[in-house]
């Protein structure tokens, strides 16, 4: 899910931080860090989120807000991330 900030930067929300998500996280942390940012993420597996947190924030980008997977949809709506 994505929407745009006032500065034109795309804002993303991600549920599930398993193996497939790593290509998206890598792109957000490196190639596209200047035009996109991850605002929210959630996963039911604490080990996967911790692995992703170390790698994602290790690239020097801000850590996204971790939300409970059960409340992910509400958090996305509250932030206005809609696409």
C-alpha atoms as a PDB file:
ATOM      1  CA  UNK A   1       0.000   0.000   0.000  1.00  0.00           C
ATOM      2  CA  UNK A   2       1.220   3.472  -0.790  1.00  0.00           C
ATOM      3  CA  UNK A   3       0.322   7.159  -0.908  1.00  0.00           C
ATOM      4  CA  UNK A   4       2.308  10.364  -1.410  1.00  0.00           C
ATOM      5  CA  UNK A   5       3.577  12.867   1.182  1.00  0.00           C
ATOM      6  CA  UNK A   6       3.537  16.652   0.820  1.00  0.00           C
ATOM      7  CA  UNK A   7       7.127  16.468  -0.420  1.00  0.00           C
ATOM      8  CA  UNK A   8       6.171  13.988  -3.144  1.00  0.00           C
ATOM      9  CA  UNK A   9       7.770  11.047  -1.349  1.00  0.00           C
ATOM     10  CA  UNK A  10       5.797   7.813  -1.604  1.00  0.00           C
ATOM     11  CA  UNK A  11       4.752   6.340   1.757  1.00  0.00           C
ATOM     12  CA  UNK A  12       4.452   2.572   2.078  1.00  0.00           C
ATOM     13  CA  UNK A  13       2.997   0.072   4.517  1.00  0.00           C
ATOM     14  CA  UNK A  14       4.090  -3.573   4.513  1.00  0.00           C
ATOM     15  CA  UNK A  15       2.547  -6.596   6.161  1.00  0.00           C
ATOM     16  CA  UNK A  16       4.765  -9.647   6.211  1.00  0.00           C
ATOM     17  CA  UNK A  17       8.547  -9.365   6.334  1.00  0.00           C
ATOM     18  CA  UNK A  18       9.487 -12.812   5.087  1.00  0.00           C
ATOM     19  CA  UNK A  19      11.852 -13.699   2.252  1.00  0.00           C
ATOM     20  CA  UNK A  20       9.795 -12.162  -0.565  1.00  0.00           C
ATOM     21  CA  UNK A  21       9.538  -8.803   1.167  1.00  0.00           C
ATOM     22  CA  UNK A  22      13.305  -8.415   1.318  1.00  0.00           C
ATOM     23  CA  UNK A  23      13.569  -7.188  -2.273  1.00  0.00           C
ATOM     24  CA  UNK A  24      11.047  -4.431  -1.498  1.00  0.00           C
ATOM     25  CA  UNK A  25      12.741  -3.515   1.764  1.00  0.00           C
ATOM     26  CA  UNK A  26      16.127  -3.400   0.056  1.00  0.00           C
ATOM     27  CA  UNK A  27      14.778  -1.106  -2.664  1.00  0.00           C
ATOM     28  CA  UNK A  28      13.161   1.220  -0.106  1.00  0.00           C
ATOM     29  CA  UNK A  29      16.368   1.370   1.937  1.00  0.00           C
ATOM     30  CA  UNK A  30      18.747   1.908  -0.981  1.00  0.00           C
ATOM     31  CA  UNK A  31      17.725   2.585  -4.568  1.00  0.00           C
ATOM     32  CA  UNK A  32      14.520   4.475  -3.777  1.00  0.00           C
ATOM     33  CA  UNK A  33      15.251   5.931  -0.330  1.00  0.00           C
ATOM     34  CA  UNK A  34      15.090   9.464  -1.712  1.00  0.00           C
ATOM     35  CA  UNK A  35      11.594   9.095  -3.208  1.00  0.00           C
ATOM     36  CA  UNK A  36       9.925   6.542  -0.931  1.00  0.00           C
ATOM     37  CA  UNK A  37       9.729   5.610   2.719  1.00  0.00           C
ATOM     38  CA  UNK A  38       8.301   2.722   4.692  1.00  0.00           C
ATOM     39  CA  UNK A  39       6.006   4.092   7.397  1.00  0.00           C
ATOM     40  CA  UNK A  40       4.357   0.989   8.838  1.00  0.00           C
ATOM     41  CA  UNK A  41       5.130  -2.672   8.979  1.00  0.00           C
ATOM     42  CA  UNK A  42       3.735  -5.744  10.684  1.00  0.00           C
ATOM     43  CA  UNK A  43       4.434  -9.440  10.936  1.00  0.00           C
ATOM     44  CA  UNK A  44       3.115 -12.202  13.164  1.00  0.00           C
ATOM     45  CA  UNK A  45       6.618 -13.663  13.494  1.00  0.00           C
ATOM     46  CA  UNK A  46       8.853 -11.642  15.870  1.00  0.00           C
ATOM     47  CA  UNK A  47      11.993 -13.266  14.455  1.00  0.00           C
ATOM     48  CA  UNK A  48      11.251 -12.115  10.910  1.00  0.00           C
ATOM     49  CA  UNK A  49      10.505  -8.558  11.983  1.00  0.00           C
ATOM     50  CA  UNK A  50      13.722  -8.414  14.028  1.00  0.00           C
ATOM     51  CA  UNK A  51      15.778  -9.736  11.104  1.00  0.00           C
ATOM     52  CA  UNK A  52      14.212  -7.170   8.782  1.00  0.00           C
ATOM     53  CA  UNK A  53      14.629  -4.372  11.332  1.00  0.00           C
ATOM     54  CA  UNK A  54      18.375  -5.001  11.617  1.00  0.00           C
ATOM     55  CA  UNK A  55      18.899  -5.056   7.858  1.00  0.00           C
ATOM     56  CA  UNK A  56      16.529  -2.223   6.979  1.00  0.00           C
ATOM     57  CA  UNK A  57      17.658   0.268   9.605  1.00  0.00           C
ATOM     58  CA  UNK A  58      21.279  -0.806   9.126  1.00  0.00           C
ATOM     59  CA  UNK A  59      21.071   0.929   5.750  1.00  0.00           C
ATOM     60  CA  UNK A  60      20.558   4.236   7.568  1.00  0.00           C
ATOM     61  CA  UNK A  61      16.857   4.783   6.920  1.00  0.00           C
ATOM     62  CA  UNK A  62      14.349   5.566   9.688  1.00  0.00           C
ATOM     63  CA  UNK A  63      12.710   2.593  11.342  1.00  0.00           C
ATOM     64  CA  UNK A  64       9.061   2.219  10.348  1.00  0.00           C
ATOM     65  CA  UNK A  65       6.406   2.041  13.031  1.00  0.00           C
ATOM     66  CA  UNK A  66       5.744  -1.545  14.047  1.00  0.00           C
ATOM     67  CA  UNK A  67       2.045  -2.265  14.370  1.00  0.00           C
ATOM     68  CA  UNK A  68       0.226  -5.362  15.509  1.00  0.00           C
ATOM     69  CA  UNK A  69      -0.836  -7.447  12.509  1.00  0.00           C
ATOM     70  CA  UNK A  70      -4.381  -7.576  13.867  1.00  0.00           C
ATOM     71  CA  UNK A  71      -4.597  -3.767  13.722  1.00  0.00           C
ATOM     72  CA  UNK A  72      -2.612  -3.231  10.546  1.00  0.00           C
ATOM     73  CA  UNK A  73      -5.575  -2.248   8.360  1.00  0.00           C
ATOM     74  CA  UNK A  74      -6.743   0.303  10.934  1.00  0.00           C
ATOM     75  CA  UNK A  75      -3.240   1.811  11.183  1.00  0.00           C
ATOM     76  CA  UNK A  76      -2.995   2.083   7.397  1.00  0.00           C
ATOM     77  CA  UNK A  77      -6.374   3.823   7.209  1.00  0.00           C
ATOM     78  CA  UNK A  78      -5.483   6.154  10.078  1.00  0.00           C
ATOM     79  CA  UNK A  79      -2.346   7.256   8.213  1.00  0.00           C
ATOM     80  CA  UNK A  80      -4.189   7.711   4.943  1.00  0.00           C
ATOM     81  CA  UNK A  81      -2.075   5.174   3.061  1.00  0.00           C
ATOM     82  CA  UNK A  82      -4.552   4.069   0.462  1.00  0.00           C
ATOM     83  CA  UNK A  83      -3.150   2.706  -2.802  1.00  0.00           C
END
